[in-house]
Amino acid sequence: QEDLVESGGGSVQAGGSLTLSCAASEWSYSSSSMGWFRQGTGKEREGVAAIFGGDGQKYYADSVKGRFTISQDNAKRTLYLRMNRLKPEDTAMYYCASGPEGRTSGVDWDAVWGYDYWGQGTQVTVSS
């Protein structure tokens, strides 16, 4: 059984929407720190959004603020990323990541080293 499994990627035109899902196993799901990252061709992996703490503090990259929304369903052990008004520059492989249970601080939320489990990724392609 894989730790984190992403789904929901696909090809859309600019301005379109997609919702990514990340199904987690019992040991990989974290109710306190989970995030979405992406990596475009020839680029470094970058943080897109993260959700921290019991009160659901959310963090977003400047490039997606106002367009993307991160959420989680603890009962289903699932993380979501709703992406609206997609742009060609959003094209990338999107990865789900889970941090240690108990991590509640959002400092360095977009640092790859802060997460323990990673999914295989789901491709998002936005055409102009």
Protein backbone atom coordinates (compact mmCIF):
# COMPACT_ATOMS: atom_id res chain seq x y z
CA GLN A 1 0.00 0.00 0.00
CA GLU A 2 1.35 3.38 -1.02
CA ASP A 3 1.66 6.09 1.58
CA LEU A 4 0.12 8.95 -0.39
CA VAL A 5 -1.77 8.68 -3.67
CA GLU A 6 -2.65 11.76 -5.69
CA SER A 7 -5.41 11.97 -8.27
CA GLY A 8 -7.36 14.57 -10.19
CA GLY A 9 -4.70 15.91 -12.50
CA GLY A 10 -5.30 16.41 -16.17
CA SER A 11 -5.19 18.79 -19.10
CA VAL A 12 -7.26 21.96 -19.08
CA GLN A 13 -7.35 25.26 -20.87
CA ALA A 14 -6.27 28.46 -19.20
CA GLY A 15 -8.99 29.75 -16.92
CA GLY A 16 -10.22 26.27 -16.13
CA SER A 17 -10.37 24.45 -12.81
CA LEU A 18 -9.20 21.18 -11.32
CA THR A 19 -9.42 19.58 -7.91
CA LEU A 20 -6.57 17.38 -6.77
CA SER A 21 -7.02 14.75 -4.10
CA CYS A 22 -4.48 12.95 -1.98
CA ALA A 23 -5.52 9.75 -0.24
CA ALA A 24 -3.28 8.83 2.68
CA SER A 25 -2.67 5.62 4.53
CA GLU A 26 -3.27 5.37 8.24
CA TRP A 27 0.41 5.90 9.06
CA SER A 28 1.18 8.59 6.50
CA TYR A 29 -1.72 10.92 7.14
CA SER A 30 -1.06 13.90 9.36
CA SER A 31 -3.86 15.97 10.77
CA SER A 32 -1.37 18.70 11.69
CA SER A 33 0.88 19.25 8.67
CA MET A 34 0.21 18.42 5.05
CA GLY A 35 0.97 20.24 1.86
CA TRP A 36 1.04 20.37 -1.91
CA PHE A 37 4.17 20.93 -3.94
CA ARG A 38 4.80 21.12 -7.65
CA GLN A 39 7.69 20.68 -10.00
CA GLY A 40 7.78 21.94 -13.54
CA THR A 41 10.12 20.57 -16.18
CA GLY A 42 13.65 21.68 -15.40
CA LYS A 43 12.58 23.45 -12.23
CA GLU A 44 12.99 22.79 -8.54
CA ARG A 45 10.14 21.48 -6.46
CA GLU A 46 8.25 24.36 -4.88
CA GLY A 47 5.64 24.68 -2.19
CA VAL A 48 2.15 25.48 -3.42
CA ALA A 49 0.00 25.30 -0.30
CA ALA A 50 0.03 23.76 3.15
CA ILE A 51 -2.31 23.30 6.05
CA PHE A 52 -1.03 23.27 9.63
CA GLY A 53 -2.19 22.85 13.16
CA GLY A 54 -5.44 21.86 14.67
CA ASP A 55 -7.03 25.14 13.67
CA GLY A 56 -6.23 24.59 10.03
CA GLN A 57 -3.83 27.44 9.37
CA LYS A 58 -3.26 27.64 5.64
CA TYR A 59 -0.31 28.87 3.66
CA TYR A 60 -0.07 29.62 -0.04
CA ALA A 61 2.61 30.55 -2.50
CA ASP A 62 2.16 34.10 -3.74
CA SER A 63 1.67 32.81 -7.27
CA VAL A 64 -1.49 30.88 -6.33
CA LYS A 65 -3.07 33.06 -3.64
CA GLY A 66 -6.68 33.80 -4.41
CA ARG A 67 -6.86 30.99 -6.97
CA PHE A 68 -6.03 27.79 -5.06
CA THR A 69 -7.63 26.45 -1.90
CA ILE A 70 -6.21 23.68 0.28
CA SER A 71 -8.42 21.61 2.56
CA GLN A 72 -8.42 18.28 4.32
CA ASP A 73 -10.92 15.73 5.54
CA ASN A 74 -9.49 13.98 8.60
CA ALA A 75 -12.20 11.33 8.64
CA LYS A 76 -11.32 10.31 5.07
CA ARG A 77 -7.58 10.91 5.52
CA THR A 78 -7.66 12.97 2.36
CA LEU A 79 -6.06 16.24 1.34
CA TYR A 80 -7.47 18.41 -1.43
CA LEU A 81 -6.31 21.25 -3.62
CA ARG A 82 -8.93 23.19 -5.50
CA MET A 83 -7.34 25.10 -8.37
CA ASN A 84 -9.30 27.84 -10.13
CA ARG A 85 -8.35 30.24 -12.92
CA LEU A 86 -5.49 28.01 -13.96
CA LYS A 87 -2.64 29.51 -15.94
CA PRO A 88 -0.11 27.88 -18.29
CA GLU A 89 2.58 28.57 -15.67
CA ASP A 90 0.72 26.25 -13.30
CA THR A 91 1.71 23.33 -15.51
CA ALA A 92 3.71 20.89 -13.39
CA MET A 93 3.70 17.59 -11.60
CA TYR A 94 1.85 18.11 -8.33
CA TYR A 95 2.89 16.22 -5.22
CA CYS A 96 1.18 15.65 -1.92
CA ALA A 97 3.32 15.64 1.22
CA SER A 98 2.77 14.77 4.84
CA GLY A 99 4.74 16.10 7.78
CA PRO A 100 5.21 14.76 11.28
CA GLU A 101 2.16 14.55 13.50
CA GLY A 102 2.38 17.32 16.04
CA ARG A 103 4.08 19.82 13.80
CA THR A 104 1.89 22.85 14.17
CA SER A 105 4.17 25.70 13.12
CA GLY A 106 3.95 26.96 9.59
CA VAL A 107 7.49 28.31 9.61
CA ASP A 108 9.27 26.93 6.54
CA TRP A 109 5.98 25.42 5.36
CA ASP A 110 7.35 25.29 1.83
CA ALA A 111 10.58 23.51 2.68
CA VAL A 112 10.81 20.05 1.18
CA TRP A 113 12.83 18.78 4.14
CA GLY A 114 9.92 19.42 6.50
CA TYR A 115 7.84 16.55 5.14
CA ASP A 116 8.22 12.83 5.75
CA TYR A 117 5.99 11.20 3.14
CA TRP A 118 5.51 11.99 -0.53
CA GLY A 119 3.18 10.79 -3.23
CA GLN A 120 4.13 9.85 -6.78
CA GLY A 121 2.56 12.97 -8.22
CA THR A 122 -0.23 13.84 -10.61
CA GLN A 123 0.36 15.85 -13.79
CA VAL A 124 -1.43 19.13 -14.41
CA THR A 125 -1.14 20.66 -17.85
CA VAL A 126 -2.67 24.03 -18.65
CA SER A 127 -2.80 25.15 -22.27
CA SER A 128 -3.17 28.73 -23.43
